mmCIF file of all heavy atoms, coordinates in Angstrom:
data_MODEL
# 
_entry.id   MODEL 
# 
loop_
_atom_site.group_PDB 
_atom_site.id 
_atom_site.type_symbol 
_atom_site.label_atom_id 
_atom_site.label_alt_id 
_atom_site.label_comp_id 
_atom_site.label_asym_id 
_atom_site.label_entity_id 
_atom_site.label_seq_id 
_atom_site.pdbx_PDB_ins_code 
_atom_site.Cartn_x 
_atom_site.Cartn_y 
_atom_site.Cartn_z 
_atom_site.occupancy 
_atom_site.B_iso_or_equiv 
_atom_site.pdbx_formal_charge 
_atom_site.auth_seq_id 
_atom_site.auth_comp_id 
_atom_site.auth_asym_id 
_atom_site.auth_atom_id 
_atom_site.pdbx_PDB_model_num 
ATOM 1   N N   . ASP A 1 1  ? 5.486   -2.853 9.698  1.00 0.00 ? 1  ASP A N   1 
ATOM 2   C CA  . ASP A 1 1  ? 4.720   -4.071 9.451  1.00 0.00 ? 1  ASP A CA  1 
ATOM 3   C C   . ASP A 1 1  ? 3.256   -3.761 9.140  1.00 0.00 ? 1  ASP A C   1 
ATOM 4   O O   . ASP A 1 1  ? 2.682   -4.318 8.202  1.00 0.00 ? 1  ASP A O   1 
ATOM 5   C CB  . ASP A 1 1  ? 4.799   -5.001 10.668 1.00 0.00 ? 1  ASP A CB  1 
ATOM 6   C CG  . ASP A 1 1  ? 6.197   -5.564 10.894 1.00 0.00 ? 1  ASP A CG  1 
ATOM 7   O OD1 . ASP A 1 1  ? 7.015   -5.495 9.951  1.00 0.00 ? 1  ASP A OD1 1 
ATOM 8   O OD2 . ASP A 1 1  ? 6.477   -6.026 12.011 1.00 0.00 ? 1  ASP A OD2 1 
ATOM 9   N N   . THR A 1 2  ? 2.644   -2.891 9.920  1.00 0.00 ? 2  THR A N   1 
ATOM 10  C CA  . THR A 1 2  ? 1.222   -2.553 9.728  1.00 0.00 ? 2  THR A CA  1 
ATOM 11  C C   . THR A 1 2  ? 0.976   -1.911 8.376  1.00 0.00 ? 2  THR A C   1 
ATOM 12  O O   . THR A 1 2  ? -0.021  -2.210 7.705  1.00 0.00 ? 2  THR A O   1 
ATOM 13  C CB  . THR A 1 2  ? 0.743   -1.609 10.843 1.00 0.00 ? 2  THR A CB  1 
ATOM 14  O OG1 . THR A 1 2  ? 0.917   -2.256 12.114 1.00 0.00 ? 2  THR A OG1 1 
ATOM 15  C CG2 . THR A 1 2  ? -0.729  -1.251 10.664 1.00 0.00 ? 2  THR A CG2 1 
ATOM 16  N N   . LEU A 1 3  ? 1.880   -1.038 7.950  1.00 0.00 ? 3  LEU A N   1 
ATOM 17  C CA  . LEU A 1 3  ? 1.719   -0.306 6.699  1.00 0.00 ? 3  LEU A CA  1 
ATOM 18  C C   . LEU A 1 3  ? 2.420   -0.997 5.528  1.00 0.00 ? 3  LEU A C   1 
ATOM 19  O O   . LEU A 1 3  ? 2.401   -0.474 4.410  1.00 0.00 ? 3  LEU A O   1 
ATOM 20  C CB  . LEU A 1 3  ? 2.239   1.124  6.856  1.00 0.00 ? 3  LEU A CB  1 
ATOM 21  C CG  . LEU A 1 3  ? 1.605   1.954  7.983  1.00 0.00 ? 3  LEU A CG  1 
ATOM 22  C CD1 . LEU A 1 3  ? 2.198   3.368  7.997  1.00 0.00 ? 3  LEU A CD1 1 
ATOM 23  C CD2 . LEU A 1 3  ? 0.085   2.013  7.829  1.00 0.00 ? 3  LEU A CD2 1 
ATOM 24  N N   . ALA A 1 4  ? 3.033   -2.148 5.805  1.00 0.00 ? 4  ALA A N   1 
ATOM 25  C CA  . ALA A 1 4  ? 3.704   -2.941 4.769  1.00 0.00 ? 4  ALA A CA  1 
ATOM 26  C C   . ALA A 1 4  ? 4.689   -2.096 3.958  1.00 0.00 ? 4  ALA A C   1 
ATOM 27  O O   . ALA A 1 4  ? 4.703   -2.136 2.730  1.00 0.00 ? 4  ALA A O   1 
ATOM 28  C CB  . ALA A 1 4  ? 2.671   -3.601 3.853  1.00 0.00 ? 4  ALA A CB  1 
ATOM 29  N N   . ILE A 1 5  ? 5.511   -1.337 4.665  1.00 0.00 ? 5  ILE A N   1 
ATOM 30  C CA  . ILE A 1 5  ? 6.455   -0.435 4.003  1.00 0.00 ? 5  ILE A CA  1 
ATOM 31  C C   . ILE A 1 5  ? 7.766   -1.164 3.722  1.00 0.00 ? 5  ILE A C   1 
ATOM 32  O O   . ILE A 1 5  ? 8.336   -1.808 4.605  1.00 0.00 ? 5  ILE A O   1 
ATOM 33  C CB  . ILE A 1 5  ? 6.732   0.799  4.879  1.00 0.00 ? 5  ILE A CB  1 
ATOM 34  C CG1 . ILE A 1 5  ? 5.454   1.622  5.052  1.00 0.00 ? 5  ILE A CG1 1 
ATOM 35  C CG2 . ILE A 1 5  ? 7.837   1.665  4.283  1.00 0.00 ? 5  ILE A CG2 1 
ATOM 36  C CD1 . ILE A 1 5  ? 5.549   2.658  6.143  1.00 0.00 ? 5  ILE A CD1 1 
ATOM 37  N N   . ASP A 1 6  ? 8.232   -1.061 2.488  1.00 0.00 ? 6  ASP A N   1 
ATOM 38  C CA  . ASP A 1 6  ? 9.547   -1.546 2.108  1.00 0.00 ? 6  ASP A CA  1 
ATOM 39  C C   . ASP A 1 6  ? 10.225  -0.405 1.356  1.00 0.00 ? 6  ASP A C   1 
ATOM 40  O O   . ASP A 1 6  ? 9.788   -0.028 0.275  1.00 0.00 ? 6  ASP A O   1 
ATOM 41  C CB  . ASP A 1 6  ? 9.443   -2.793 1.224  1.00 0.00 ? 6  ASP A CB  1 
ATOM 42  C CG  . ASP A 1 6  ? 10.790  -3.460 1.003  1.00 0.00 ? 6  ASP A CG  1 
ATOM 43  O OD1 . ASP A 1 6  ? 11.801  -2.735 0.918  1.00 0.00 ? 6  ASP A OD1 1 
ATOM 44  O OD2 . ASP A 1 6  ? 10.837  -4.692 0.892  1.00 0.00 ? 6  ASP A OD2 1 
ATOM 45  N N   . PHE A 1 7  ? 11.269  0.131  1.946  1.00 0.00 ? 7  PHE A N   1 
ATOM 46  C CA  . PHE A 1 7  ? 11.923  1.296  1.347  1.00 0.00 ? 7  PHE A CA  1 
ATOM 47  C C   . PHE A 1 7  ? 12.697  0.940  0.077  1.00 0.00 ? 7  PHE A C   1 
ATOM 48  O O   . PHE A 1 7  ? 13.097  1.835  -0.672 1.00 0.00 ? 7  PHE A O   1 
ATOM 49  C CB  . PHE A 1 7  ? 12.885  1.942  2.360  1.00 0.00 ? 7  PHE A CB  1 
ATOM 50  C CG  . PHE A 1 7  ? 12.176  2.616  3.500  1.00 0.00 ? 7  PHE A CG  1 
ATOM 51  C CD1 . PHE A 1 7  ? 12.073  1.996  4.736  1.00 0.00 ? 7  PHE A CD1 1 
ATOM 52  C CD2 . PHE A 1 7  ? 11.612  3.882  3.342  1.00 0.00 ? 7  PHE A CD2 1 
ATOM 53  C CE1 . PHE A 1 7  ? 11.427  2.626  5.793  1.00 0.00 ? 7  PHE A CE1 1 
ATOM 54  C CE2 . PHE A 1 7  ? 10.962  4.514  4.396  1.00 0.00 ? 7  PHE A CE2 1 
ATOM 55  C CZ  . PHE A 1 7  ? 10.875  3.886  5.624  1.00 0.00 ? 7  PHE A CZ  1 
ATOM 56  N N   . TYR A 1 8  ? 12.918  -0.342 -0.168 1.00 0.00 ? 8  TYR A N   1 
ATOM 57  C CA  . TYR A 1 8  ? 13.763  -0.753 -1.293 1.00 0.00 ? 8  TYR A CA  1 
ATOM 58  C C   . TYR A 1 8  ? 12.997  -1.481 -2.389 1.00 0.00 ? 8  TYR A C   1 
ATOM 59  O O   . TYR A 1 8  ? 13.519  -1.683 -3.482 1.00 0.00 ? 8  TYR A O   1 
ATOM 60  C CB  . TYR A 1 8  ? 14.899  -1.648 -0.783 1.00 0.00 ? 8  TYR A CB  1 
ATOM 61  C CG  . TYR A 1 8  ? 15.666  -1.002 0.342  1.00 0.00 ? 8  TYR A CG  1 
ATOM 62  C CD1 . TYR A 1 8  ? 15.483  -1.405 1.663  1.00 0.00 ? 8  TYR A CD1 1 
ATOM 63  C CD2 . TYR A 1 8  ? 16.562  0.038  0.086  1.00 0.00 ? 8  TYR A CD2 1 
ATOM 64  C CE1 . TYR A 1 8  ? 16.181  -0.788 2.707  1.00 0.00 ? 8  TYR A CE1 1 
ATOM 65  C CE2 . TYR A 1 8  ? 17.260  0.654  1.122  1.00 0.00 ? 8  TYR A CE2 1 
ATOM 66  C CZ  . TYR A 1 8  ? 17.060  0.227  2.422  1.00 0.00 ? 8  TYR A CZ  1 
ATOM 67  O OH  . TYR A 1 8  ? 17.744  0.842  3.433  1.00 0.00 ? 8  TYR A OH  1 
ATOM 68  N N   . ASP A 1 9  ? 11.757  -1.869 -2.133 1.00 0.00 ? 9  ASP A N   1 
ATOM 69  C CA  . ASP A 1 9  ? 10.967  -2.615 -3.099 1.00 0.00 ? 9  ASP A CA  1 
ATOM 70  C C   . ASP A 1 9  ? 9.975   -1.673 -3.785 1.00 0.00 ? 9  ASP A C   1 
ATOM 71  O O   . ASP A 1 9  ? 9.472   -0.737 -3.168 1.00 0.00 ? 9  ASP A O   1 
ATOM 72  C CB  . ASP A 1 9  ? 10.213  -3.749 -2.381 1.00 0.00 ? 9  ASP A CB  1 
ATOM 73  C CG  . ASP A 1 9  ? 9.608   -4.749 -3.353 1.00 0.00 ? 9  ASP A CG  1 
ATOM 74  O OD1 . ASP A 1 9  ? 9.741   -4.556 -4.577 1.00 0.00 ? 9  ASP A OD1 1 
ATOM 75  O OD2 . ASP A 1 9  ? 8.981   -5.717 -2.881 1.00 0.00 ? 9  ASP A OD2 1 
ATOM 76  N N   . THR A 1 10 ? 9.678   -1.942 -5.049 1.00 0.00 ? 10 THR A N   1 
ATOM 77  C CA  . THR A 1 10 ? 8.726   -1.099 -5.784 1.00 0.00 ? 10 THR A CA  1 
ATOM 78  C C   . THR A 1 10 ? 7.281   -1.561 -5.594 1.00 0.00 ? 10 THR A C   1 
ATOM 79  O O   . THR A 1 10 ? 6.355   -0.882 -6.043 1.00 0.00 ? 10 THR A O   1 
ATOM 80  C CB  . THR A 1 10 ? 9.044   -1.108 -7.287 1.00 0.00 ? 10 THR A CB  1 
ATOM 81  O OG1 . THR A 1 10 ? 8.927   -2.445 -7.792 1.00 0.00 ? 10 THR A OG1 1 
ATOM 82  C CG2 . THR A 1 10 ? 10.457  -0.588 -7.542 1.00 0.00 ? 10 THR A CG2 1 
ATOM 83  N N   . ALA A 1 11 ? 7.082   -2.690 -4.946 1.00 0.00 ? 11 ALA A N   1 
ATOM 84  C CA  . ALA A 1 11 ? 5.729   -3.223 -4.776 1.00 0.00 ? 11 ALA A CA  1 
ATOM 85  C C   . ALA A 1 11 ? 4.924   -2.374 -3.798 1.00 0.00 ? 11 ALA A C   1 
ATOM 86  O O   . ALA A 1 11 ? 5.461   -1.740 -2.892 1.00 0.00 ? 11 ALA A O   1 
ATOM 87  C CB  . ALA A 1 11 ? 5.788   -4.663 -4.280 1.00 0.00 ? 11 ALA A CB  1 
ATOM 88  N N   . VAL A 1 12 ? 3.611   -2.362 -4.020 1.00 0.00 ? 12 VAL A N   1 
ATOM 89  C CA  . VAL A 1 12 ? 2.670   -1.753 -3.084 1.00 0.00 ? 12 VAL A CA  1 
ATOM 90  C C   . VAL A 1 12 ? 1.765   -2.873 -2.586 1.00 0.00 ? 12 VAL A C   1 
ATOM 91  O O   . VAL A 1 12 ? 1.064   -3.515 -3.365 1.00 0.00 ? 12 VAL A O   1 
ATOM 92  C CB  . VAL A 1 12 ? 1.833   -0.641 -3.756 1.00 0.00 ? 12 VAL A CB  1 
ATOM 93  C CG1 . VAL A 1 12 ? 0.815   -0.081 -2.784 1.00 0.00 ? 12 VAL A CG1 1 
ATOM 94  C CG2 . VAL A 1 12 ? 2.747   0.462  -4.283 1.00 0.00 ? 12 VAL A CG2 1 
ATOM 95  N N   . SER A 1 13 ? 1.791   -3.119 -1.283 1.00 0.00 ? 13 SER A N   1 
ATOM 96  C CA  . SER A 1 13 ? 1.120   -4.281 -0.723 1.00 0.00 ? 13 SER A CA  1 
ATOM 97  C C   . SER A 1 13 ? -0.400  -4.194 -0.831 1.00 0.00 ? 13 SER A C   1 
ATOM 98  O O   . SER A 1 13 ? -0.996  -3.152 -0.552 1.00 0.00 ? 13 SER A O   1 
ATOM 99  C CB  . SER A 1 13 ? 1.514   -4.444 0.751  1.00 0.00 ? 13 SER A CB  1 
ATOM 100 O OG  . SER A 1 13 ? 0.782   -5.493 1.346  1.00 0.00 ? 13 SER A OG  1 
ATOM 101 N N   . ARG A 1 14 ? -1.016  -5.306 -1.208 1.00 0.00 ? 14 ARG A N   1 
ATOM 102 C CA  . ARG A 1 14 ? -2.480  -5.379 -1.225 1.00 0.00 ? 14 ARG A CA  1 
ATOM 103 C C   . ARG A 1 14 ? -3.047  -5.437 0.191  1.00 0.00 ? 14 ARG A C   1 
ATOM 104 O O   . ARG A 1 14 ? -4.253  -5.321 0.383  1.00 0.00 ? 14 ARG A O   1 
ATOM 105 C CB  . ARG A 1 14 ? -2.934  -6.598 -2.027 1.00 0.00 ? 14 ARG A CB  1 
ATOM 106 C CG  . ARG A 1 14 ? -2.572  -6.479 -3.498 1.00 0.00 ? 14 ARG A CG  1 
ATOM 107 C CD  . ARG A 1 14 ? -3.309  -7.468 -4.338 1.00 0.00 ? 14 ARG A CD  1 
ATOM 108 N NE  . ARG A 1 14 ? -2.988  -7.291 -5.749 1.00 0.00 ? 14 ARG A NE  1 
ATOM 109 C CZ  . ARG A 1 14 ? -3.627  -7.877 -6.735 1.00 0.00 ? 14 ARG A CZ  1 
ATOM 110 N NH1 . ARG A 1 14 ? -4.623  -8.711 -6.471 1.00 0.00 ? 14 ARG A NH1 1 
ATOM 111 N NH2 . ARG A 1 14 ? -3.270  -7.672 -7.982 1.00 0.00 ? 14 ARG A NH2 1 
ATOM 112 N N   . LYS A 1 15 ? -2.188  -5.609 1.149  1.00 0.00 ? 15 LYS A N   1 
ATOM 113 C CA  . LYS A 1 15 ? -2.609  -5.510 2.548  1.00 0.00 ? 15 LYS A CA  1 
ATOM 114 C C   . LYS A 1 15 ? -3.028  -4.079 2.875  1.00 0.00 ? 15 LYS A C   1 
ATOM 115 O O   . LYS A 1 15 ? -3.875  -3.850 3.739  1.00 0.00 ? 15 LYS A O   1 
ATOM 116 C CB  . LYS A 1 15 ? -1.431  -5.933 3.446  1.00 0.00 ? 15 LYS A CB  1 
ATOM 117 C CG  . LYS A 1 15 ? -1.653  -5.788 4.933  1.00 0.00 ? 15 LYS A CG  1 
ATOM 118 C CD  . LYS A 1 15 ? -0.395  -6.194 5.684  1.00 0.00 ? 15 LYS A CD  1 
ATOM 119 C CE  . LYS A 1 15 ? -0.530  -5.948 7.182  1.00 0.00 ? 15 LYS A CE  1 
ATOM 120 N NZ  . LYS A 1 15 ? 0.727   -6.275 7.916  1.00 0.00 ? 15 LYS A NZ  1 
ATOM 121 N N   . VAL A 1 16 ? -2.455  -3.110 2.156  1.00 0.00 ? 16 VAL A N   1 
ATOM 122 C CA  . VAL A 1 16 ? -2.711  -1.690 2.409  1.00 0.00 ? 16 VAL A CA  1 
ATOM 123 C C   . VAL A 1 16 ? -3.610  -1.084 1.342  1.00 0.00 ? 16 VAL A C   1 
ATOM 124 O O   . VAL A 1 16 ? -4.500  -0.289 1.640  1.00 0.00 ? 16 VAL A O   1 
ATOM 125 C CB  . VAL A 1 16 ? -1.371  -0.917 2.490  1.00 0.00 ? 16 VAL A CB  1 
ATOM 126 C CG1 . VAL A 1 16 ? -1.608  0.577  2.624  1.00 0.00 ? 16 VAL A CG1 1 
ATOM 127 C CG2 . VAL A 1 16 ? -0.550  -1.420 3.667  1.00 0.00 ? 16 VAL A CG2 1 
ATOM 128 N N   . VAL A 1 17 ? -3.392  -1.428 0.086  1.00 0.00 ? 17 VAL A N   1 
ATOM 129 C CA  . VAL A 1 17 ? -4.176  -0.879 -1.029 1.00 0.00 ? 17 VAL A CA  1 
ATOM 130 C C   . VAL A 1 17 ? -4.953  -2.013 -1.688 1.00 0.00 ? 17 VAL A C   1 
ATOM 131 O O   . VAL A 1 17 ? -4.376  -2.854 -2.379 1.00 0.00 ? 17 VAL A O   1 
ATOM 132 C CB  . VAL A 1 17 ? -3.270  -0.184 -2.063 1.00 0.00 ? 17 VAL A CB  1 
ATOM 133 C CG1 . VAL A 1 17 ? -4.104  0.361  -3.222 1.00 0.00 ? 17 VAL A CG1 1 
ATOM 134 C CG2 . VAL A 1 17 ? -2.485  0.942  -1.407 1.00 0.00 ? 17 VAL A CG2 1 
ATOM 135 N N   . TYR A 1 18 ? -6.275  -2.027 -1.458 1.00 0.00 ? 18 TYR A N   1 
ATOM 136 C CA  . TYR A 1 18 ? -7.086  -3.147 -1.942 1.00 0.00 ? 18 TYR A CA  1 
ATOM 137 C C   . TYR A 1 18 ? -8.480  -2.712 -2.402 1.00 0.00 ? 18 TYR A C   1 
ATOM 138 O O   . TYR A 1 18 ? -9.333  -3.555 -2.694 1.00 0.00 ? 18 TYR A O   1 
ATOM 139 C CB  . TYR A 1 18 ? -7.219  -4.201 -0.840 1.00 0.00 ? 18 TYR A CB  1 
ATOM 140 C CG  . TYR A 1 18 ? -7.711  -3.659 0.479  1.00 0.00 ? 18 TYR A CG  1 
ATOM 141 C CD1 . TYR A 1 18 ? -9.071  -3.475 0.731  1.00 0.00 ? 18 TYR A CD1 1 
ATOM 142 C CD2 . TYR A 1 18 ? -6.806  -3.306 1.474  1.00 0.00 ? 18 TYR A CD2 1 
ATOM 143 C CE1 . TYR A 1 18 ? -9.513  -2.960 1.934  1.00 0.00 ? 18 TYR A CE1 1 
ATOM 144 C CE2 . TYR A 1 18 ? -7.242  -2.788 2.686  1.00 0.00 ? 18 TYR A CE2 1 
ATOM 145 C CZ  . TYR A 1 18 ? -8.595  -2.622 2.911  1.00 0.00 ? 18 TYR A CZ  1 
ATOM 146 O OH  . TYR A 1 18 ? -9.029  -2.099 4.100  1.00 0.00 ? 18 TYR A OH  1 
ATOM 147 N N   . SER A 1 19 ? -8.724  -1.403 -2.497 1.00 0.00 ? 19 SER A N   1 
ATOM 148 C CA  . SER A 1 19 ? -10.047 -0.893 -2.894 1.00 0.00 ? 19 SER A CA  1 
ATOM 149 C C   . SER A 1 19 ? -9.865  0.510  -3.462 1.00 0.00 ? 19 SER A C   1 
ATOM 150 O O   . SER A 1 19 ? -8.789  1.101  -3.354 1.00 0.00 ? 19 SER A O   1 
ATOM 151 C CB  . SER A 1 19 ? -10.970 -0.836 -1.673 1.00 0.00 ? 19 SER A CB  1 
ATOM 152 O OG  . SER A 1 19 ? -10.457 0.099  -0.716 1.00 0.00 ? 19 SER A OG  1 
ATOM 153 N N   . ASP A 1 20 ? -10.927 1.050  -4.065 1.00 0.00 ? 20 ASP A N   1 
ATOM 154 C CA  . ASP A 1 20 ? -10.847 2.423  -4.552 1.00 0.00 ? 20 ASP A CA  1 
ATOM 155 C C   . ASP A 1 20 ? -10.575 3.401  -3.408 1.00 0.00 ? 20 ASP A C   1 
ATOM 156 O O   . ASP A 1 20 ? -9.857  4.395  -3.576 1.00 0.00 ? 20 ASP A O   1 
ATOM 157 C CB  . ASP A 1 20 ? -12.153 2.816  -5.262 1.00 0.00 ? 20 ASP A CB  1 
ATOM 158 C CG  . ASP A 1 20 ? -12.205 2.343  -6.707 1.00 0.00 ? 20 ASP A CG  1 
ATOM 159 O OD1 . ASP A 1 20 ? -11.203 1.762  -7.191 1.00 0.00 ? 20 ASP A OD1 1 
ATOM 160 O OD2 . ASP A 1 20 ? -13.246 2.552  -7.350 1.00 0.00 ? 20 ASP A OD2 1 
ATOM 161 N N   . ASP A 1 21 ? -11.141 3.129  -2.230 1.00 0.00 ? 21 ASP A N   1 
ATOM 162 C CA  . ASP A 1 21 ? -10.957 4.002  -1.080 1.00 0.00 ? 21 ASP A CA  1 
ATOM 163 C C   . ASP A 1 21 ? -9.496  4.037  -0.644 1.00 0.00 ? 21 ASP A C   1 
ATOM 164 O O   . ASP A 1 21 ? -8.914  5.118  -0.451 1.00 0.00 ? 21 ASP A O   1 
ATOM 165 C CB  . ASP A 1 21 ? -11.850 3.541  0.073  1.00 0.00 ? 21 ASP A CB  1 
ATOM 166 C CG  . ASP A 1 21 ? -11.813 4.505  1.261  1.00 0.00 ? 21 ASP A CG  1 
ATOM 167 O OD1 . ASP A 1 21 ? -11.889 5.725  1.041  1.00 0.00 ? 21 ASP A OD1 1 
ATOM 168 O OD2 . ASP A 1 21 ? -11.716 4.017  2.404  1.00 0.00 ? 21 ASP A OD2 1 
ATOM 169 N N   . THR A 1 22 ? -8.881  2.862  -0.500 1.00 0.00 ? 22 THR A N   1 
ATOM 170 C CA  . THR A 1 22 ? -7.477  2.820  -0.074 1.00 0.00 ? 22 THR A CA  1 
ATOM 171 C C   . THR A 1 22 ? -6.540  3.270  -1.198 1.00 0.00 ? 22 THR A C   1 
ATOM 172 O O   . THR A 1 22 ? -5.475  3.831  -0.934 1.00 0.00 ? 22 THR A O   1 
ATOM 173 C CB  . THR A 1 22 ? -7.088  1.413  0.410  1.00 0.00 ? 22 THR A CB  1 
ATOM 174 O OG1 . THR A 1 22 ? -7.433  0.445  -0.593 1.00 0.00 ? 22 THR A OG1 1 
ATOM 175 C CG2 . THR A 1 22 ? -7.807  1.062  1.707  1.00 0.00 ? 22 THR A CG2 1 
ATOM 176 N N   . LEU A 1 23 ? -6.952  3.049  -2.445 1.00 0.00 ? 23 LEU A N   1 
ATOM 177 C CA  . LEU A 1 23 ? -6.173  3.566  -3.575 1.00 0.00 ? 23 LEU A CA  1 
ATOM 178 C C   . LEU A 1 23 ? -6.140  5.095  -3.531 1.00 0.00 ? 23 LEU A C   1 
ATOM 179 O O   . LEU A 1 23 ? -5.085  5.715  -3.717 1.00 0.00 ? 23 LEU A O   1 
ATOM 180 C CB  . LEU A 1 23 ? -6.779  3.083  -4.890 1.00 0.00 ? 23 LEU A CB  1 
ATOM 181 C CG  . LEU A 1 23 ? -6.031  3.442  -6.179 1.00 0.00 ? 23 LEU A CG  1 
ATOM 182 C CD1 . LEU A 1 23 ? -4.682  2.736  -6.244 1.00 0.00 ? 23 LEU A CD1 1 
ATOM 183 C CD2 . LEU A 1 23 ? -6.869  3.062  -7.400 1.00 0.00 ? 23 LEU A CD2 1 
ATOM 184 N N   . GLY A 1 24 ? -7.307  5.705  -3.253 1.00 0.00 ? 24 GLY A N   1 
ATOM 185 C CA  . GLY A 1 24 ? -7.349  7.150  -3.096 1.00 0.00 ? 24 GLY A CA  1 
ATOM 186 C C   . GLY A 1 24 ? -6.478  7.621  -1.956 1.00 0.00 ? 24 GLY A C   1 
ATOM 187 O O   . GLY A 1 24 ? -5.790  8.638  -2.052 1.00 0.00 ? 24 GLY A O   1 
ATOM 188 N N   . GLY A 1 25 ? -6.487  6.857  -0.860 1.00 0.00 ? 25 GLY A N   1 
ATOM 189 C CA  . GLY A 1 25 ? -5.634  7.197  0.270  1.00 0.00 ? 25 GLY A CA  1 
ATOM 190 C C   . GLY A 1 25 ? -4.163  7.144  -0.082 1.00 0.00 ? 25 GLY A C   1 
ATOM 191 O O   . GLY A 1 25 ? -3.382  8.022  0.310  1.00 0.00 ? 25 GLY A O   1 
ATOM 192 N N   . TYR A 1 26 ? -3.777  6.128  -0.836 1.00 0.00 ? 26 TYR A N   1 
ATOM 193 C CA  . TYR A 1 26 ? -2.361  5.987  -1.197 1.00 0.00 ? 26 TYR A CA  1 
ATOM 194 C C   . TYR A 1 26 ? -1.904  7.147  -2.079 1.00 0.00 ? 26 TYR A C   1 
ATOM 195 O O   . TYR A 1 26 ? -0.833  7.724  -1.865 1.00 0.00 ? 26 TYR A O   1 
ATOM 196 C CB  . TYR A 1 26 ? -2.117  4.657  -1.901 1.00 0.00 ? 26 TYR A CB  1 
ATOM 197 C CG  . TYR A 1 26 ? -0.655  4.277  -1.954 1.00 0.00 ? 26 TYR A CG  1 
ATOM 198 C CD1 . TYR A 1 26 ? -0.046  3.633  -0.878 1.00 0.00 ? 26 TYR A CD1 1 
ATOM 199 C CD2 . TYR A 1 26 ? 0.128   4.583  -3.056 1.00 0.00 ? 26 TYR A CD2 1 
ATOM 200 C CE1 . TYR A 1 26 ? 1.300   3.304  -0.911 1.00 0.00 ? 26 TYR A CE1 1 
ATOM 201 C CE2 . TYR A 1 26 ? 1.474   4.261  -3.102 1.00 0.00 ? 26 TYR A CE2 1 
ATOM 202 C CZ  . TYR A 1 26 ? 2.056   3.619  -2.029 1.00 0.00 ? 26 TYR A CZ  1 
ATOM 203 O OH  . TYR A 1 26 ? 3.402   3.299  -2.060 1.00 0.00 ? 26 TYR A OH  1 
ATOM 204 N N   . PHE A 1 27 ? -2.735  7.520  -3.046 1.00 0.00 ? 27 PHE A N   1 
ATOM 205 C CA  . PHE A 1 27 ? -2.356  8.636  -3.908 1.00 0.00 ? 27 PHE A CA  1 
ATOM 206 C C   . PHE A 1 27 ? -2.435  9.979  -3.186 1.00 0.00 ? 27 PHE A C   1 
ATOM 207 O O   . PHE A 1 27 ? -1.735  10.924 -3.555 1.00 0.00 ? 27 PHE A O   1 
ATOM 208 C CB  . PHE A 1 27 ? -3.184  8.628  -5.194 1.00 0.00 ? 27 PHE A CB  1 
ATOM 209 C CG  . PHE A 1 27 ? -2.594  7.727  -6.241 1.00 0.00 ? 27 PHE A CG  1 
ATOM 210 C CD1 . PHE A 1 27 ? -3.045  6.430  -6.380 1.00 0.00 ? 27 PHE A CD1 1 
ATOM 211 C CD2 . PHE A 1 27 ? -1.560  8.162  -7.050 1.00 0.00 ? 27 PHE A CD2 1 
ATOM 212 C CE1 . PHE A 1 27 ? -2.485  5.580  -7.322 1.00 0.00 ? 27 PHE A CE1 1 
ATOM 213 C CE2 . PHE A 1 27 ? -0.989  7.324  -7.997 1.00 0.00 ? 27 PHE A CE2 1 
ATOM 214 C CZ  . PHE A 1 27 ? -1.450  6.033  -8.139 1.00 0.00 ? 27 PHE A CZ  1 
# 
C-alpha cells in the first residue's frame, strides 16, 4: 500500500513518483 505496488498493472502511481527526485529514485 505504501509503495503503491501492483504486480499486474503497468501503471506507476503518482503517489510514489511525482517529482524529478522520485523519478530518479524509481529509475
